[in-house]
């Protein structure tokens, strides 16, 4: 079994933090989870008891995402001295090994060569509010069974190599693309309609507190109320995504490799990240994975 640490940063996202803690806590133990508590939230500290908490001031700043990834880069770099592998990402992102692999994620990583960066295939869990009326309880997958391809979330986030990670975690300076067949990153932003609305309310409040416009910040446009759109229309649109037969992700991984190239002269590497107007029904073997 690989010696594995998992790192995230959170500010008040208790819904996603609870899911993140249950997934990774059961996998590697809370003593190997590292959480940057932005704003030193008491509820975050209570929920994450037994983890390694790093409290930092919570003042809003227009460059907070740049500052966040500067901190995470250095934290990951330090932890690599003590762990075989480090996973780093947002609290609404989970790295998952396909049950078809027949082994746990730590066991899978133990069999991988060292000094690598692994890029799981990104899949976005979508709440089909037209046909999925059960609330999320102990598990997300089960009540939610639909995903759409999300190249934007195919992140190089599993590291045993010292390398710089770009803001947002979307790129690194590692020049080799490694995309194991059974490795996925599930993005949960759209996994529950009510949780989505609550999270967007919090993010809109942050940008309102900053008081700067979209062009003046290093933050995704979706953090701004004027870019949010109508919540129900966002979720209604999921029903119109073209349903794909089966669950063969090989073609998506091959497209990543065909488009692999330097990201200008930045020192980072990238693959194309097209939008896909498609969706898949998850096979039964994924039920209850998280």
C-alpha atoms as a PDB file:
ATOM      1  CA  UNK A   1       0.000   0.000   0.000  1.00  0.00           C
ATOM      2  CA  UNK A   2       1.355   3.420  -0.970  1.00  0.00           C
ATOM      3  CA  UNK A   3       2.113   6.023   1.670  1.00  0.00           C
ATOM      4  CA  UNK A   4      -0.438   8.610   0.513  1.00  0.00           C
ATOM      5  CA  UNK A   5      -1.376  12.124   1.668  1.00  0.00           C
ATOM      6  CA  UNK A   6      -4.342  14.170   0.435  1.00  0.00           C
ATOM      7  CA  UNK A   7      -4.439  17.976   0.518  1.00  0.00           C
ATOM      8  CA  UNK A   8      -7.238  20.500   0.041  1.00  0.00           C
ATOM      9  CA  UNK A   9      -8.268  24.007   1.042  1.00  0.00           C
ATOM     10  CA  UNK A  10     -11.760  24.878   2.186  1.00  0.00           C
ATOM     11  CA  UNK A  11     -13.809  27.839   3.329  1.00  0.00           C
ATOM     12  CA  UNK A  12     -17.243  26.957   4.713  1.00  0.00           C
ATOM     13  CA  UNK A  13     -18.027  24.257   2.087  1.00  0.00           C
ATOM     14  CA  UNK A  14     -19.267  21.791   4.701  1.00  0.00           C
ATOM     15  CA  UNK A  15     -21.425  19.760   2.280  1.00  0.00           C
ATOM     16  CA  UNK A  16     -18.444  18.919   0.070  1.00  0.00           C
ATOM     17  CA  UNK A  17     -15.993  18.666   2.966  1.00  0.00           C
ATOM     18  CA  UNK A  18     -18.126  15.966   4.581  1.00  0.00           C
ATOM     19  CA  UNK A  19     -18.062  13.901   1.361  1.00  0.00           C
ATOM     20  CA  UNK A  20     -14.304  14.525   0.933  1.00  0.00           C
ATOM     21  CA  UNK A  21     -13.583  13.431   4.513  1.00  0.00           C
ATOM     22  CA  UNK A  22     -15.624  10.241   4.240  1.00  0.00           C
ATOM     23  CA  UNK A  23     -13.994   9.285   0.930  1.00  0.00           C
ATOM     24  CA  UNK A  24     -10.357   9.937   1.796  1.00  0.00           C
ATOM     25  CA  UNK A  25     -10.613   9.344   5.544  1.00  0.00           C
ATOM     26  CA  UNK A  26     -11.765   5.773   4.966  1.00  0.00           C
ATOM     27  CA  UNK A  27      -9.041   5.318   2.360  1.00  0.00           C
ATOM     28  CA  UNK A  28      -5.903   6.579   4.152  1.00  0.00           C
ATOM     29  CA  UNK A  29      -6.968   7.664   7.653  1.00  0.00           C
ATOM     30  CA  UNK A  30      -7.593  11.215   8.816  1.00  0.00           C
ATOM     31  CA  UNK A  31      -4.027  11.503  10.080  1.00  0.00           C
ATOM     32  CA  UNK A  32      -2.919  11.639   6.413  1.00  0.00           C
ATOM     33  CA  UNK A  33      -5.377  14.355   5.376  1.00  0.00           C
ATOM     34  CA  UNK A  34      -4.177  17.985   5.250  1.00  0.00           C
ATOM     35  CA  UNK A  35      -6.790  20.730   5.181  1.00  0.00           C
ATOM     36  CA  UNK A  36      -6.075  24.433   4.860  1.00  0.00           C
ATOM     37  CA  UNK A  37      -8.909  26.070   6.822  1.00  0.00           C
ATOM     38  CA  UNK A  38      -9.333  29.405   5.042  1.00  0.00           C
ATOM     39  CA  UNK A  39     -10.818  31.764   7.606  1.00  0.00           C
ATOM     40  CA  UNK A  40     -10.291  29.340  10.508  1.00  0.00           C
ATOM     41  CA  UNK A  41     -13.940  28.257  10.389  1.00  0.00           C
ATOM     42  CA  UNK A  42     -15.077  26.580  13.604  1.00  0.00           C
ATOM     43  CA  UNK A  43     -17.468  24.275  11.729  1.00  0.00           C
ATOM     44  CA  UNK A  44     -14.674  23.158   9.398  1.00  0.00           C
ATOM     45  CA  UNK A  45     -12.430  22.427  12.385  1.00  0.00           C
ATOM     46  CA  UNK A  46     -15.183  20.450  14.091  1.00  0.00           C
ATOM     47  CA  UNK A  47     -16.024  18.383  11.015  1.00  0.00           C
ATOM     48  CA  UNK A  48     -12.344  17.726  10.242  1.00  0.00           C
ATOM     49  CA  UNK A  49     -11.352  16.628  13.735  1.00  0.00           C
ATOM     50  CA  UNK A  50      -8.437  14.211  13.575  1.00  0.00           C
ATOM     51  CA  UNK A  51      -7.057  15.708  10.348  1.00  0.00           C
ATOM     52  CA  UNK A  52      -4.071  18.028   9.996  1.00  0.00           C
ATOM     53  CA  UNK A  53      -5.606  21.512   9.992  1.00  0.00           C
ATOM     54  CA  UNK A  54      -3.758  24.642   8.889  1.00  0.00           C
ATOM     55  CA  UNK A  55      -5.686  27.772   9.784  1.00  0.00           C
ATOM     56  CA  UNK A  56      -5.087  30.919   7.723  1.00  0.00           C
ATOM     57  CA  UNK A  57      -6.726  34.368   7.708  1.00  0.00           C
ATOM     58  CA  UNK A  58      -9.918  34.603   5.695  1.00  0.00           C
ATOM     59  CA  UNK A  59      -9.828  38.153   4.366  1.00  0.00           C
ATOM     60  CA  UNK A  60     -11.091  38.366   0.781  1.00  0.00           C
ATOM     61  CA  UNK A  61      -8.493  39.356  -1.819  1.00  0.00           C
ATOM     62  CA  UNK A  62      -8.782  39.732  -5.588  1.00  0.00           C
ATOM     63  CA  UNK A  63      -5.772  37.428  -6.094  1.00  0.00           C
ATOM     64  CA  UNK A  64      -6.821  34.834  -3.525  1.00  0.00           C
ATOM     65  CA  UNK A  65      -6.698  31.944  -6.028  1.00  0.00           C
ATOM     66  CA  UNK A  66      -3.087  32.762  -6.920  1.00  0.00           C
ATOM     67  CA  UNK A  67      -2.211  32.937  -3.229  1.00  0.00           C
ATOM     68  CA  UNK A  68      -4.083  29.697  -2.599  1.00  0.00           C
ATOM     69  CA  UNK A  69      -2.116  27.742  -5.195  1.00  0.00           C
ATOM     70  CA  UNK A  70       1.179  29.249  -4.091  1.00  0.00           C
ATOM     71  CA  UNK A  71       0.467  27.853  -0.625  1.00  0.00           C
ATOM     72  CA  UNK A  72      -0.728  24.477  -1.935  1.00  0.00           C
ATOM     73  CA  UNK A  73       2.318  24.122  -4.218  1.00  0.00           C
ATOM     74  CA  UNK A  74       4.681  24.609  -1.318  1.00  0.00           C
ATOM     75  CA  UNK A  75       2.682  22.357   0.999  1.00  0.00           C
ATOM     76  CA  UNK A  76       2.639  19.536  -1.573  1.00  0.00           C
ATOM     77  CA  UNK A  77       6.356  19.989  -2.173  1.00  0.00           C
ATOM     78  CA  UNK A  78       7.091  19.594   1.514  1.00  0.00           C
ATOM     79  CA  UNK A  79       4.818  16.596   2.016  1.00  0.00           C
ATOM     80  CA  UNK A  80       6.488  14.765  -0.856  1.00  0.00           C
ATOM     81  CA  UNK A  81       9.529  14.371   1.390  1.00  0.00           C
ATOM     82  CA  UNK A  82       7.456  12.180   3.695  1.00  0.00           C
ATOM     83  CA  UNK A  83       4.932  10.475   1.393  1.00  0.00           C
ATOM     84  CA  UNK A  84       5.207   8.317  -1.724  1.00  0.00           C
ATOM     85  CA  UNK A  85       2.271  10.126  -3.340  1.00  0.00           C
ATOM     86  CA  UNK A  86       0.318  13.329  -2.683  1.00  0.00           C
ATOM     87  CA  UNK A  87      -3.142  14.108  -4.078  1.00  0.00           C
ATOM     88  CA  UNK A  88      -4.069  17.796  -4.186  1.00  0.00           C
ATOM     89  CA  UNK A  89      -7.280  19.453  -5.357  1.00  0.00           C
ATOM     90  CA  UNK A  90     -10.441  21.313  -4.499  1.00  0.00           C
ATOM     91  CA  UNK A  91     -12.783  19.990  -1.846  1.00  0.00           C
ATOM     92  CA  UNK A  92     -15.436  19.137  -4.473  1.00  0.00           C
ATOM     93  CA  UNK A  93     -13.024  16.866  -6.388  1.00  0.00           C
ATOM     94  CA  UNK A  94     -12.441  13.189  -5.610  1.00  0.00           C
ATOM     95  CA  UNK A  95      -9.873  10.863  -7.174  1.00  0.00           C
ATOM     96  CA  UNK A  96     -11.393   7.407  -7.631  1.00  0.00           C
ATOM     97  CA  UNK A  97     -10.135   4.052  -8.843  1.00  0.00           C
ATOM     98  CA  UNK A  98     -12.615   2.128 -10.988  1.00  0.00           C
ATOM     99  CA  UNK A  99     -13.907  -0.867  -8.962  1.00  0.00           C
ATOM    100  CA  UNK A 100     -13.191  -2.920 -12.073  1.00  0.00           C
ATOM    101  CA  UNK A 101      -9.476  -2.570 -11.239  1.00  0.00           C
ATOM    102  CA  UNK A 102     -10.059  -4.833  -8.229  1.00  0.00           C
ATOM    103  CA  UNK A 103      -7.824  -2.866  -5.846  1.00  0.00           C
ATOM    104  CA  UNK A 104      -7.822   0.215  -3.666  1.00  0.00           C
ATOM    105  CA  UNK A 105      -6.317   3.505  -4.790  1.00  0.00           C
ATOM    106  CA  UNK A 106      -3.343   3.214  -2.356  1.00  0.00           C
ATOM    107  CA  UNK A 107      -2.629  -0.317  -3.621  1.00  0.00           C
ATOM    108  CA  UNK A 108      -2.897   0.875  -7.209  1.00  0.00           C
ATOM    109  CA  UNK A 109      -0.438   3.711  -6.537  1.00  0.00           C
ATOM    110  CA  UNK A 110       1.986   1.354  -4.795  1.00  0.00           C
ATOM    111  CA  UNK A 111       2.373  -0.481  -8.116  1.00  0.00           C
ATOM    112  CA  UNK A 112       3.090   2.717 -10.091  1.00  0.00           C
ATOM    113  CA  UNK A 113       6.623   3.902 -10.862  1.00  0.00           C
ATOM    114  CA  UNK A 114       7.794   6.822  -8.730  1.00  0.00           C
ATOM    115  CA  UNK A 115       8.646  10.322  -9.981  1.00  0.00           C
ATOM    116  CA  UNK A 116       5.471  10.656 -11.979  1.00  0.00           C
ATOM    117  CA  UNK A 117       2.451  12.915 -12.217  1.00  0.00           C
ATOM    118  CA  UNK A 118      -0.805  11.036 -12.853  1.00  0.00           C
ATOM    119  CA  UNK A 119      -3.752  12.707 -14.571  1.00  0.00           C
ATOM    120  CA  UNK A 120      -7.134  11.088 -13.794  1.00  0.00           C
ATOM    121  CA  UNK A 121      -9.844  11.473 -16.412  1.00  0.00           C
ATOM    122  CA  UNK A 122     -12.273  14.187 -15.337  1.00  0.00           C
ATOM    123  CA  UNK A 123     -15.974  13.312 -15.020  1.00  0.00           C
ATOM    124  CA  UNK A 124     -18.580  15.726 -13.721  1.00  0.00           C
ATOM    125  CA  UNK A 125     -21.386  14.210 -11.648  1.00  0.00           C
ATOM    126  CA  UNK A 126     -24.622  15.838 -12.778  1.00  0.00           C
ATOM    127  CA  UNK A 127     -27.947  15.891 -10.952  1.00  0.00           C
ATOM    128  CA  UNK A 128     -30.618  14.922 -13.460  1.00  0.00           C
ATOM    129  CA  UNK A 129     -33.423  16.713 -11.603  1.00  0.00           C
ATOM    130  CA  UNK A 130     -35.924  15.393 -14.144  1.00  0.00           C
ATOM    131  CA  UNK A 131     -35.412  11.745 -13.103  1.00  0.00           C
ATOM    132  CA  UNK A 132     -33.300  11.728  -9.906  1.00  0.00           C
ATOM    133  CA  UNK A 133     -35.492  12.748  -6.979  1.00  0.00           C
ATOM    134  CA  UNK A 134     -33.638  10.982  -4.153  1.00  0.00           C
ATOM    135  CA  UNK A 135     -31.513  13.142  -1.828  1.00  0.00           C
ATOM    136  CA  UNK A 136     -27.833  12.448  -1.327  1.00  0.00           C
ATOM    137  CA  UNK A 137     -27.298  10.564   1.911  1.00  0.00           C
ATOM    138  CA  UNK A 138     -24.420   8.326   2.932  1.00  0.00           C
ATOM    139  CA  UNK A 139     -23.333   8.126  -0.723  1.00  0.00           C
ATOM    140  CA  UNK A 140     -23.423  10.386  -3.759  1.00  0.00           C
ATOM    141  CA  UNK A 141     -23.179   7.637  -6.382  1.00  0.00           C
ATOM    142  CA  UNK A 142     -26.411   5.705  -6.271  1.00  0.00           C
ATOM    143  CA  UNK A 143     -28.794   8.629  -5.899  1.00  0.00           C
ATOM    144  CA  UNK A 144     -26.722  10.197  -8.709  1.00  0.00           C
ATOM    145  CA  UNK A 145     -25.888   7.984 -11.692  1.00  0.00           C
ATOM    146  CA  UNK A 146     -25.022  10.382 -14.518  1.00  0.00           C
ATOM    147  CA  UNK A 147     -21.748  12.022 -15.523  1.00  0.00           C
ATOM    148  CA  UNK A 148     -20.540  14.192 -18.344  1.00  0.00           C
ATOM    149  CA  UNK A 149     -16.948  14.307 -19.648  1.00  0.00           C
ATOM    150  CA  UNK A 150     -15.072  17.225 -18.082  1.00  0.00           C
ATOM    151  CA  UNK A 151     -11.615  17.746 -19.662  1.00  0.00           C
ATOM    152  CA  UNK A 152     -11.246  20.894 -17.551  1.00  0.00           C
ATOM    153  CA  UNK A 153     -11.157  18.574 -14.524  1.00  0.00           C
ATOM    154  CA  UNK A 154      -8.730  16.045 -15.959  1.00  0.00           C
ATOM    155  CA  UNK A 155      -6.177  17.473 -13.559  1.00  0.00           C
ATOM    156  CA  UNK A 156      -2.558  16.362 -12.994  1.00  0.00           C
ATOM    157  CA  UNK A 157      -3.283  16.022  -9.283  1.00  0.00           C
ATOM    158  CA  UNK A 158      -1.627  12.763  -8.152  1.00  0.00           C
ATOM    159  CA  UNK A 159       2.049  13.483  -7.656  1.00  0.00           C
ATOM    160  CA  UNK A 160       5.221  11.630  -6.738  1.00  0.00           C
ATOM    161  CA  UNK A 161       7.364  14.148  -8.620  1.00  0.00           C
ATOM    162  CA  UNK A 162       8.502  17.618  -7.610  1.00  0.00           C
ATOM    163  CA  UNK A 163       6.899  19.983 -10.122  1.00  0.00           C
ATOM    164  CA  UNK A 164       5.124  23.318 -10.181  1.00  0.00           C
ATOM    165  CA  UNK A 165       1.322  23.226 -10.365  1.00  0.00           C
ATOM    166  CA  UNK A 166      -0.495  26.051 -12.146  1.00  0.00           C
ATOM    167  CA  UNK A 167      -3.263  28.088 -10.536  1.00  0.00           C
ATOM    168  CA  UNK A 168      -6.437  25.995 -10.416  1.00  0.00           C
ATOM    169  CA  UNK A 169      -4.422  22.783 -10.578  1.00  0.00           C
ATOM    170  CA  UNK A 170      -5.062  22.394 -14.312  1.00  0.00           C
ATOM    171  CA  UNK A 171      -1.451  22.166 -15.506  1.00  0.00           C
ATOM    172  CA  UNK A 172       2.001  21.191 -14.235  1.00  0.00           C
ATOM    173  CA  UNK A 173       5.512  21.519 -15.606  1.00  0.00           C
ATOM    174  CA  UNK A 174       5.867  17.730 -15.890  1.00  0.00           C
ATOM    175  CA  UNK A 175       6.382  17.007 -19.585  1.00  0.00           C
ATOM    176  CA  UNK A 176       5.054  13.432 -19.604  1.00  0.00           C
ATOM    177  CA  UNK A 177       1.294  12.752 -19.659  1.00  0.00           C
ATOM    178  CA  UNK A 178       0.282   9.643 -17.689  1.00  0.00           C
ATOM    179  CA  UNK A 179      -3.440   8.767 -17.720  1.00  0.00           C
ATOM    180  CA  UNK A 180      -4.026   5.324 -16.138  1.00  0.00           C
ATOM    181  CA  UNK A 181      -7.076   3.532 -17.534  1.00  0.00           C
ATOM    182  CA  UNK A 182      -8.836   3.039 -14.200  1.00  0.00           C
ATOM    183  CA  UNK A 183      -8.211   6.474 -12.679  1.00  0.00           C
ATOM    184  CA  UNK A 184     -10.911   9.158 -12.517  1.00  0.00           C
ATOM    185  CA  UNK A 185     -11.461  12.561 -10.971  1.00  0.00           C
ATOM    186  CA  UNK A 186     -15.122  13.122 -10.118  1.00  0.00           C
ATOM    187  CA  UNK A 187     -16.127  16.789  -9.888  1.00  0.00           C
ATOM    188  CA  UNK A 188     -19.143  17.303  -7.619  1.00  0.00           C
ATOM    189  CA  UNK A 189     -20.149  20.912  -8.237  1.00  0.00           C
ATOM    190  CA  UNK A 190     -23.375  19.864  -9.994  1.00  0.00           C
ATOM    191  CA  UNK A 191     -24.118  16.687  -8.028  1.00  0.00           C
ATOM    192  CA  UNK A 192     -27.006  18.237  -6.084  1.00  0.00           C
ATOM    193  CA  UNK A 193     -29.248  21.141  -7.034  1.00  0.00           C
ATOM    194  CA  UNK A 194     -29.748  22.509  -3.512  1.00  0.00           C
ATOM    195  CA  UNK A 195     -26.050  22.188  -2.617  1.00  0.00           C
ATOM    196  CA  UNK A 196     -25.142  23.979  -5.856  1.00  0.00           C
ATOM    197  CA  UNK A 197     -27.358  26.942  -5.041  1.00  0.00           C
ATOM    198  CA  UNK A 198     -25.912  27.228  -1.543  1.00  0.00           C
ATOM    199  CA  UNK A 199     -22.319  27.038  -2.796  1.00  0.00           C
ATOM    200  CA  UNK A 200     -22.931  29.658  -5.475  1.00  0.00           C
ATOM    201  CA  UNK A 201     -24.491  31.981  -2.917  1.00  0.00           C
ATOM    202  CA  UNK A 202     -21.327  31.722  -0.816  1.00  0.00           C
ATOM    203  CA  UNK A 203     -19.028  32.329  -3.786  1.00  0.00           C
ATOM    204  CA  UNK A 204     -21.035  35.315  -4.999  1.00  0.00           C
ATOM    205  CA  UNK A 205     -20.775  36.755  -1.485  1.00  0.00           C
ATOM    206  CA  UNK A 206     -16.964  36.434  -1.603  1.00  0.00           C
ATOM    207  CA  UNK A 207     -16.631  38.365  -4.873  1.00  0.00           C
ATOM    208  CA  UNK A 208     -19.076  40.977  -3.612  1.00  0.00           C
ATOM    209  CA  UNK A 209     -16.856  41.424  -0.540  1.00  0.00           C
ATOM    210  CA  UNK A 210     -13.762  41.793  -2.734  1.00  0.00           C
ATOM    211  CA  UNK A 211     -15.510  44.522  -4.690  1.00  0.00           C
ATOM    212  CA  UNK A 212     -13.501  44.047  -7.896  1.00  0.00           C
ATOM    213  CA  UNK A 213     -14.719  43.110 -11.358  1.00  0.00           C
ATOM    214  CA  UNK A 214     -14.063  39.989 -13.401  1.00  0.00           C
ATOM    215  CA  UNK A 215     -11.162  41.581 -15.288  1.00  0.00           C
ATOM    216  CA  UNK A 216      -9.507  42.687 -12.060  1.00  0.00           C
ATOM    217  CA  UNK A 217      -9.373  39.272 -10.396  1.00  0.00           C
ATOM    218  CA  UNK A 218      -7.768  35.875 -10.880  1.00  0.00           C
ATOM    219  CA  UNK A 219     -11.028  34.038 -10.143  1.00  0.00           C
ATOM    220  CA  UNK A 220     -13.325  31.963 -12.361  1.00  0.00           C
ATOM    221  CA  UNK A 221     -16.219  33.900 -13.925  1.00  0.00           C
ATOM    222  CA  UNK A 222     -18.757  31.626 -12.190  1.00  0.00           C
ATOM    223  CA  UNK A 223     -17.871  33.271  -8.860  1.00  0.00           C
ATOM    224  CA  UNK A 224     -19.632  36.462 -10.002  1.00  0.00           C
ATOM    225  CA  UNK A 225     -23.395  36.872  -9.607  1.00  0.00           C
ATOM    226  CA  UNK A 226     -23.772  38.499 -13.046  1.00  0.00           C
ATOM    227  CA  UNK A 227     -22.252  35.404 -14.704  1.00  0.00           C
ATOM    228  CA  UNK A 228     -24.247  32.857 -12.704  1.00  0.00           C
ATOM    229  CA  UNK A 229     -27.321  32.514 -14.869  1.00  0.00           C
ATOM    230  CA  UNK A 230     -30.554  30.885 -13.708  1.00  0.00           C
ATOM    231  CA  UNK A 231     -29.834  27.872 -11.519  1.00  0.00           C
ATOM    232  CA  UNK A 232     -32.726  25.660 -12.580  1.00  0.00           C
ATOM    233  CA  UNK A 233     -32.024  26.292 -16.262  1.00  0.00           C
ATOM    234  CA  UNK A 234     -28.443  25.062 -15.721  1.00  0.00           C
ATOM    235  CA  UNK A 235     -29.718  21.757 -14.335  1.00  0.00           C
ATOM    236  CA  UNK A 236     -32.596  21.396 -16.805  1.00  0.00           C
ATOM    237  CA  UNK A 237     -30.020  21.506 -19.603  1.00  0.00           C
ATOM    238  CA  UNK A 238     -28.381  18.287 -18.393  1.00  0.00           C
ATOM    239  CA  UNK A 239     -31.332  16.277 -19.746  1.00  0.00           C
ATOM    240  CA  UNK A 240     -30.476  17.500 -23.265  1.00  0.00           C
ATOM    241  CA  UNK A 241     -26.916  16.150 -23.238  1.00  0.00           C
ATOM    242  CA  UNK A 242     -26.612  13.249 -25.673  1.00  0.00           C
ATOM    243  CA  UNK A 243     -26.594   9.904 -23.855  1.00  0.00           C
ATOM    244  CA  UNK A 244     -23.678   7.674 -24.861  1.00  0.00           C
ATOM    245  CA  UNK A 245     -23.765   3.894 -25.082  1.00  0.00           C
ATOM    246  CA  UNK A 246     -21.599   1.979 -22.634  1.00  0.00           C
ATOM    247  CA  UNK A 247     -18.770   3.433 -20.576  1.00  0.00           C
ATOM    248  CA  UNK A 248     -15.635   3.371 -22.743  1.00  0.00           C
ATOM    249  CA  UNK A 249     -13.373   6.263 -21.742  1.00  0.00           C
ATOM    250  CA  UNK A 250     -10.473   5.134 -23.938  1.00  0.00           C
ATOM    251  CA  UNK A 251     -11.249   7.554 -26.808  1.00  0.00           C
ATOM    252  CA  UNK A 252     -11.263  10.514 -24.407  1.00  0.00           C
ATOM    253  CA  UNK A 253      -7.865   9.572 -22.997  1.00  0.00           C
ATOM    254  CA  UNK A 254      -6.441   9.095 -26.494  1.00  0.00           C
ATOM    255  CA  UNK A 255      -7.592  12.614 -27.445  1.00  0.00           C
ATOM    256  CA  UNK A 256      -5.727  13.982 -24.437  1.00  0.00           C
ATOM    257  CA  UNK A 257      -2.512  12.318 -25.597  1.00  0.00           C
ATOM    258  CA  UNK A 258      -2.902  13.383 -29.250  1.00  0.00           C
ATOM    259  CA  UNK A 259      -3.192  17.051 -28.259  1.00  0.00           C
ATOM    260  CA  UNK A 260      -0.416  17.034 -25.599  1.00  0.00           C
ATOM    261  CA  UNK A 261       1.896  20.025 -26.051  1.00  0.00           C
ATOM    262  CA  UNK A 262       3.711  22.843 -24.233  1.00  0.00           C
ATOM    263  CA  UNK A 263       1.440  25.625 -22.958  1.00  0.00           C
ATOM    264  CA  UNK A 264       3.151  28.422 -24.879  1.00  0.00           C
ATOM    265  CA  UNK A 265       6.408  29.457 -23.233  1.00  0.00           C
ATOM    266  CA  UNK A 266       5.001  29.193 -19.680  1.00  0.00           C
ATOM    267  CA  UNK A 267       6.894  25.998 -18.854  1.00  0.00           C
ATOM    268  CA  UNK A 268       3.596  24.176 -18.317  1.00  0.00           C
ATOM    269  CA  UNK A 269       2.130  21.380 -20.457  1.00  0.00           C
ATOM    270  CA  UNK A 270      -1.462  20.925 -21.606  1.00  0.00           C
ATOM    271  CA  UNK A 271      -3.925  18.958 -23.717  1.00  0.00           C
ATOM    272  CA  UNK A 272      -7.013  20.296 -25.479  1.00  0.00           C
ATOM    273  CA  UNK A 273     -10.070  20.739 -23.269  1.00  0.00           C
ATOM    274  CA  UNK A 274     -13.121  20.818 -25.557  1.00  0.00           C
ATOM    275  CA  UNK A 275     -16.684  20.996 -24.302  1.00  0.00           C
ATOM    276  CA  UNK A 276     -18.630  17.745 -24.703  1.00  0.00           C
ATOM    277  CA  UNK A 277     -22.399  17.848 -25.157  1.00  0.00           C
ATOM    278  CA  UNK A 278     -22.686  14.256 -23.956  1.00  0.00           C
ATOM    279  CA  UNK A 279     -23.392  12.229 -20.836  1.00  0.00           C
ATOM    280  CA  UNK A 280     -22.960   8.672 -19.565  1.00  0.00           C
ATOM    281  CA  UNK A 281     -24.893   6.481 -17.190  1.00  0.00           C
ATOM    282  CA  UNK A 282     -22.452   5.130 -14.618  1.00  0.00           C
ATOM    283  CA  UNK A 283     -22.213   1.325 -14.443  1.00  0.00           C
ATOM    284  CA  UNK A 284     -23.632  -0.288 -11.303  1.00  0.00           C
ATOM    285  CA  UNK A 285     -20.146  -1.081 -10.009  1.00  0.00           C
ATOM    286  CA  UNK A 286     -19.683   2.595  -9.082  1.00  0.00           C
ATOM    287  CA  UNK A 287     -22.675   2.671  -6.722  1.00  0.00           C
ATOM    288  CA  UNK A 288     -21.537   3.620  -3.234  1.00  0.00           C
ATOM    289  CA  UNK A 289     -17.900   4.294  -4.189  1.00  0.00           C
ATOM    290  CA  UNK A 290     -18.404   7.670  -2.495  1.00  0.00           C
END
